[in-house]
Amino acid sequence: MTATSSGVLLCLLAVMLLRHDLRGLWRRLRWRRARATVLYQSTSAGPAWRFDFVLPDGSPVSVPTNDLRGLARRDGPGPVTILYDPHAPGREVEIPGGSALRLAVGLGLAALGLSQILG
């Protein structure tokens, strides 16, 4: 395998690791913050959770989810800060935060890949 092809593979791996962080950065810039309560719901399809929050105009919003990734980032019981899309607030929410290790490894792989391509 040549240096250029290994550099390209390292850059592709870095992009895969950094994709989530780039999406989170985009959402932090474009989406709005709110304080939400998280409630557990038992459904026939399995466990689910519901994020309840209020928009700035006073409208209540409830977003159901069965995604455990966001719930794993919670600090503990009680209200949690979320990000929501102001154009479609009932569609999806995200709990901001993430792994600094994933970001560091992704940036390191990108730097190694670029040095292989350019060197």
Protein backbone atom coordinates (compact mmCIF):
# COMPACT_ATOMS: atom_id res chain seq x y z
CA MET A 1 0.00 0.00 0.00
CA THR A 2 1.43 3.36 -0.97
CA ALA A 3 1.73 6.32 1.37
CA THR A 4 -0.94 8.23 -0.51
CA SER A 5 -3.51 5.45 -0.29
CA SER A 6 -2.84 4.89 3.41
CA GLY A 7 -3.20 8.65 3.95
CA VAL A 8 -6.54 8.65 2.18
CA LEU A 9 -7.73 5.73 4.31
CA LEU A 10 -6.66 7.53 7.49
CA CYS A 11 -8.51 10.67 6.38
CA LEU A 12 -11.65 8.65 5.62
CA LEU A 13 -11.50 7.07 9.08
CA ALA A 14 -11.08 10.54 10.60
CA VAL A 15 -14.13 11.81 8.71
CA MET A 16 -16.18 8.90 10.03
CA LEU A 17 -15.13 9.72 13.60
CA LEU A 18 -15.61 13.47 13.23
CA ARG A 19 -18.99 13.25 11.44
CA HIS A 20 -20.94 13.22 14.70
CA ASP A 21 -18.93 16.12 16.13
CA LEU A 22 -19.40 18.21 12.97
CA ARG A 23 -23.15 17.53 13.02
CA GLY A 24 -23.27 18.51 16.70
CA LEU A 25 -21.38 21.74 15.97
CA TRP A 26 -23.82 22.57 13.16
CA ARG A 27 -26.77 21.94 15.47
CA ARG A 28 -25.29 24.08 18.26
CA LEU A 29 -25.01 26.95 15.80
CA ARG A 30 -28.47 26.59 14.19
CA TRP A 31 -30.71 25.00 16.83
CA ARG A 32 -32.09 26.55 20.04
CA ARG A 33 -31.58 25.48 23.65
CA ALA A 34 -34.35 24.58 26.08
CA ARG A 35 -34.74 22.92 29.48
CA ALA A 36 -36.66 19.65 29.21
CA THR A 37 -37.90 16.96 31.54
CA VAL A 38 -37.35 13.36 30.52
CA LEU A 39 -40.10 10.84 31.27
CA TYR A 40 -39.92 7.07 30.87
CA GLN A 41 -42.70 5.40 28.88
CA SER A 42 -43.30 1.69 28.58
CA THR A 43 -44.64 0.84 25.13
CA SER A 44 -45.47 -2.40 23.34
CA ALA A 45 -42.40 -1.86 21.13
CA GLY A 46 -40.10 -1.60 24.16
CA PRO A 47 -38.80 1.15 26.41
CA ALA A 48 -39.17 4.73 25.25
CA TRP A 49 -38.65 8.19 26.67
CA ARG A 50 -40.37 11.53 26.17
CA PHE A 51 -38.76 14.97 26.26
CA ASP A 52 -41.22 17.64 27.41
CA PHE A 53 -40.27 21.30 27.04
CA VAL A 54 -41.80 24.70 26.37
CA LEU A 55 -41.04 26.94 23.39
CA PRO A 56 -40.28 30.64 23.96
CA ASP A 57 -43.82 31.51 22.85
CA GLY A 58 -45.24 29.27 25.60
CA SER A 59 -46.26 26.30 23.42
CA PRO A 60 -45.63 22.92 25.05
CA VAL A 61 -43.73 20.33 22.98
CA SER A 62 -43.35 16.61 23.59
CA VAL A 63 -40.82 14.57 21.60
CA PRO A 64 -40.84 10.75 21.99
CA THR A 65 -37.65 8.76 21.42
CA ASN A 66 -36.19 5.32 21.99
CA ASP A 67 -32.59 6.40 21.32
CA LEU A 68 -30.35 5.62 24.29
CA ARG A 69 -27.32 7.61 23.04
CA GLY A 70 -28.78 10.94 24.05
CA LEU A 71 -30.05 9.65 27.37
CA ALA A 72 -26.62 8.28 28.25
CA ARG A 73 -25.24 11.85 28.22
CA ARG A 74 -27.55 13.03 31.00
CA ASP A 75 -25.90 14.17 34.20
CA GLY A 76 -28.60 12.78 36.45
CA PRO A 77 -32.28 13.11 37.31
CA GLY A 78 -34.10 16.36 36.80
CA PRO A 79 -34.32 18.84 33.93
CA VAL A 80 -31.77 18.55 31.15
CA THR A 81 -30.59 21.08 28.56
CA ILE A 82 -31.49 20.02 25.03
CA LEU A 83 -31.14 21.38 21.51
CA TYR A 84 -34.20 21.48 19.26
CA ASP A 85 -34.81 22.54 15.67
CA PRO A 86 -36.80 25.81 15.77
CA HIS A 87 -38.36 25.01 12.37
CA ALA A 88 -39.67 21.60 13.53
CA PRO A 89 -39.50 21.46 17.35
CA GLY A 90 -41.47 18.22 17.69
CA ARG A 91 -39.29 16.25 15.29
CA GLU A 92 -36.01 15.62 17.12
CA VAL A 93 -34.00 16.75 20.12
CA GLU A 94 -30.35 16.32 21.03
CA ILE A 95 -28.58 16.51 24.35
CA PRO A 96 -25.41 18.53 23.72
CA GLY A 97 -22.05 17.10 24.64
CA GLY A 98 -19.90 14.32 23.42
CA SER A 99 -16.67 12.49 23.70
CA ALA A 100 -13.54 14.60 23.69
CA LEU A 101 -11.57 11.40 23.09
CA ARG A 102 -13.37 10.81 19.78
CA LEU A 103 -12.58 14.37 18.69
CA ALA A 104 -8.90 14.06 19.64
CA VAL A 105 -8.49 10.71 17.87
CA GLY A 106 -10.31 11.98 14.77
CA LEU A 107 -8.13 15.09 14.54
CA GLY A 108 -5.00 12.99 15.08
CA LEU A 109 -5.98 10.59 12.30
CA ALA A 110 -6.73 13.49 9.98
CA ALA A 111 -3.31 15.03 10.68
CA LEU A 112 -1.55 11.70 10.08
CA GLY A 113 -3.50 11.14 6.88
CA LEU A 114 -2.71 14.58 5.53
CA SER A 115 0.97 14.18 6.38
CA GLN A 116 0.99 10.87 4.46
CA ILE A 117 -0.72 12.43 1.46
CA LEU A 118 1.46 15.55 1.36
CA GLY A 119 4.74 13.93 2.42
